[in-house]
Amino acid sequence: MSYQDYLPMNWLKNRPNDENPLVSLRKEVDSLFDDFGGGLFKDASAFNVRTNLSETDTEFCVTAELPGMTEEDVDVSVSGDRVIIKGQKKSEKEERSDEKGREFHRIERSSGSFQRVMSLPFTIDADKVEAVVKDGVLTVTIPKPPEVVENTRKIKVSSAK
């Protein structure tokens, strides 16, 4: 009896005769992970920062969730029409063990660096941008230039007849 007798039939189809079915499975799994954003585990030191971008008649507002981070951990810069938010969350690890009672505890918080770049439809005046961190949320307020505010018009939306 060969290993092929224990494998599902669809693993044995559509592959070269000399290719091991486990190699085929590995290729399929790798392809699946590549389909979800270019590989999920390529850079474990980087993490995603969730951001919102909102707009009023006079300004844009970027909010980013940065739990446990302070203003020293975050860098906000402006270049032309782009807002760049960078930072690094330092790791905090605590390990405790009690050999006698066989009780083990391990606490780890995520850490790593991040960068988000957002483009706006105008050149940003860096002198008027405000950035504040409060309760783990960064808020960056970017006023619209006067010419953008003046040229903005509301359009009435009606239903089709």
Protein backbone atom coordinates (compact mmCIF):
# COMPACT_ATOMS: atom_id res chain seq x y z
CA MET A 1 0.00 0.00 0.00
CA SER A 2 1.40 3.43 -0.95
CA TYR A 3 0.86 6.85 0.61
CA GLN A 4 -1.47 7.67 -2.31
CA ASP A 5 -4.04 5.21 -0.97
CA TYR A 6 -4.53 7.46 2.09
CA LEU A 7 -4.91 10.79 0.28
CA PRO A 8 -8.13 12.31 -1.07
CA MET A 9 -8.55 11.76 -4.80
CA ASN A 10 -8.61 15.50 -5.64
CA TRP A 11 -5.03 15.79 -4.32
CA LEU A 12 -3.92 13.28 -6.93
CA LYS A 13 -5.62 14.96 -9.92
CA ASN A 14 -4.17 17.75 -12.07
CA ARG A 15 -0.57 17.38 -11.01
CA PRO A 16 2.52 16.04 -12.71
CA ASN A 17 3.00 12.32 -12.09
CA ASP A 18 6.38 12.86 -10.45
CA GLU A 19 5.19 15.58 -8.01
CA ASN A 20 4.54 14.56 -4.42
CA PRO A 21 0.91 15.32 -3.43
CA LEU A 22 2.11 17.04 -0.26
CA VAL A 23 4.13 19.44 -2.39
CA SER A 24 0.95 20.17 -4.36
CA LEU A 25 -0.92 20.83 -1.14
CA ARG A 26 1.82 23.19 0.05
CA LYS A 27 1.63 25.12 -3.23
CA GLU A 28 -2.16 25.43 -2.91
CA VAL A 29 -1.94 26.68 0.68
CA ASP A 30 0.81 29.17 -0.23
CA SER A 31 -1.35 30.42 -3.09
CA LEU A 32 -4.29 30.83 -0.73
CA PHE A 33 -2.26 32.99 1.66
CA ASP A 34 -0.86 35.04 -1.22
CA ASP A 35 -4.42 35.80 -2.32
CA PHE A 36 -5.04 37.49 1.05
CA GLY A 37 -2.87 40.55 0.62
CA GLY A 38 0.48 39.39 -0.62
CA GLY A 39 1.23 37.02 2.23
CA LEU A 40 -0.02 37.40 5.78
CA PHE A 41 3.20 36.68 7.62
CA LYS A 42 5.90 38.46 5.65
CA ASP A 43 6.75 41.15 8.22
CA ALA A 44 5.79 40.21 11.74
CA SER A 45 7.28 43.43 13.17
CA ALA A 46 4.78 45.62 11.30
CA PHE A 47 1.17 46.00 12.27
CA ASN A 48 -1.82 47.74 10.80
CA VAL A 49 -3.23 50.89 12.28
CA ARG A 50 -6.93 51.41 11.74
CA THR A 51 -7.72 54.88 10.48
CA ASN A 52 -10.75 56.91 9.51
CA LEU A 53 -10.75 59.85 7.13
CA SER A 54 -13.69 62.22 7.41
CA GLU A 55 -14.55 65.55 5.82
CA THR A 56 -16.59 68.65 6.60
CA ASP A 57 -17.05 71.78 4.49
CA THR A 58 -13.89 73.31 5.99
CA GLU A 59 -11.53 70.47 6.96
CA PHE A 60 -10.41 66.87 6.72
CA CYS A 61 -9.92 64.82 9.86
CA VAL A 62 -7.80 61.66 10.19
CA THR A 63 -8.25 59.53 13.28
CA ALA A 64 -6.04 56.53 14.03
CA GLU A 65 -6.33 53.93 16.78
CA LEU A 66 -3.03 53.80 18.66
CA PRO A 67 -3.74 51.98 21.94
CA GLY A 68 -1.06 52.42 24.56
CA MET A 69 0.90 54.95 22.52
CA THR A 70 1.82 58.51 23.47
CA GLU A 71 2.83 61.55 21.45
CA GLU A 72 6.49 60.48 21.75
CA ASP A 73 5.70 57.24 19.88
CA VAL A 74 4.07 58.93 16.87
CA ASP A 75 5.42 61.08 14.03
CA VAL A 76 3.04 63.09 11.83
CA SER A 77 4.40 64.89 8.77
CA VAL A 78 3.03 66.62 5.68
CA SER A 79 4.53 66.60 2.19
CA GLY A 80 2.61 68.34 -0.59
CA ASP A 81 -0.83 66.73 -0.63
CA ARG A 82 0.12 63.82 1.66
CA VAL A 83 -0.22 63.23 5.39
CA ILE A 84 2.25 60.68 6.73
CA ILE A 85 1.68 59.00 10.09
CA LYS A 86 4.53 56.84 11.41
CA GLY A 87 5.21 55.26 14.72
CA GLN A 88 6.58 52.41 16.72
CA LYS A 89 4.99 50.58 19.57
CA LYS A 90 7.56 49.09 21.86
CA SER A 91 7.05 45.58 23.16
CA GLU A 92 6.21 44.85 26.74
CA LYS A 93 6.69 41.28 27.87
CA GLU A 94 6.17 39.73 31.24
CA GLU A 95 6.73 36.09 32.05
CA ARG A 96 6.05 34.32 35.35
CA SER A 97 6.41 30.68 36.23
CA ASP A 98 5.90 28.67 39.38
CA GLU A 99 7.55 25.28 38.92
CA LYS A 100 5.98 23.76 42.02
CA GLY A 101 2.36 24.45 41.15
CA ARG A 102 2.98 24.09 37.39
CA GLU A 103 1.21 27.37 36.76
CA PHE A 104 2.58 29.37 33.85
CA HIS A 105 1.46 32.83 32.78
CA ARG A 106 2.67 34.76 29.80
CA ILE A 107 1.50 38.22 28.77
CA GLU A 108 2.52 39.77 25.47
CA ARG A 109 1.31 42.93 23.80
CA SER A 110 1.70 43.50 20.10
CA SER A 111 4.56 45.69 19.01
CA GLY A 112 6.20 46.90 15.85
CA SER A 113 6.31 49.83 13.49
CA PHE A 114 3.71 51.26 11.15
CA GLN A 115 3.29 53.90 8.48
CA ARG A 116 0.13 55.25 6.86
CA VAL A 117 0.11 57.72 3.98
CA MET A 118 -3.04 59.51 2.85
CA SER A 119 -3.33 61.85 -0.14
CA LEU A 120 -5.79 64.72 -0.17
CA PRO A 121 -7.07 66.64 -3.22
CA PHE A 122 -5.08 69.81 -2.41
CA THR A 123 -1.69 70.96 -1.18
CA ILE A 124 -1.69 70.95 2.61
CA ASP A 125 -0.56 73.99 4.62
CA ALA A 126 1.60 72.28 7.26
CA ASP A 127 1.46 75.33 9.57
CA LYS A 128 -2.30 74.88 10.03
CA VAL A 129 -2.37 71.11 10.69
CA GLU A 130 -3.05 69.99 14.26
CA ALA A 131 -2.27 66.55 15.70
CA VAL A 132 -3.41 65.37 19.15
CA VAL A 133 -3.19 62.01 20.92
CA LYS A 134 -5.84 61.34 23.56
CA ASP A 135 -6.91 58.03 25.09
CA GLY A 136 -5.04 56.02 22.45
CA VAL A 137 -6.55 57.86 19.47
CA LEU A 138 -4.56 60.20 17.23
CA THR A 139 -6.61 63.00 15.64
CA VAL A 140 -5.05 64.98 12.79
CA THR A 141 -7.07 68.00 11.62
CA ILE A 142 -6.24 69.44 8.20
CA PRO A 143 -8.03 72.67 7.23
CA LYS A 144 -9.05 73.03 3.60
CA PRO A 145 -7.50 75.99 1.76
CA PRO A 146 -9.86 78.94 1.22
CA GLU A 147 -10.01 78.38 -2.56
CA VAL A 148 -11.20 74.78 -2.02
CA VAL A 149 -13.86 75.89 0.49
CA GLU A 150 -15.10 78.64 -1.83
CA ASN A 151 -15.34 76.33 -4.85
CA THR A 152 -17.32 73.66 -3.00
CA ARG A 153 -21.01 73.55 -3.92
CA LYS A 154 -23.71 71.21 -2.71
CA ILE A 155 -25.58 69.51 -5.51
CA LYS A 156 -29.23 68.60 -5.02
CA VAL A 157 -29.87 64.90 -5.46
CA SER A 158 -33.27 63.85 -6.76
CA SER A 159 -34.83 60.48 -7.44
CA ALA A 160 -35.27 59.08 -10.94
CA LYS A 161 -38.79 59.30 -12.39
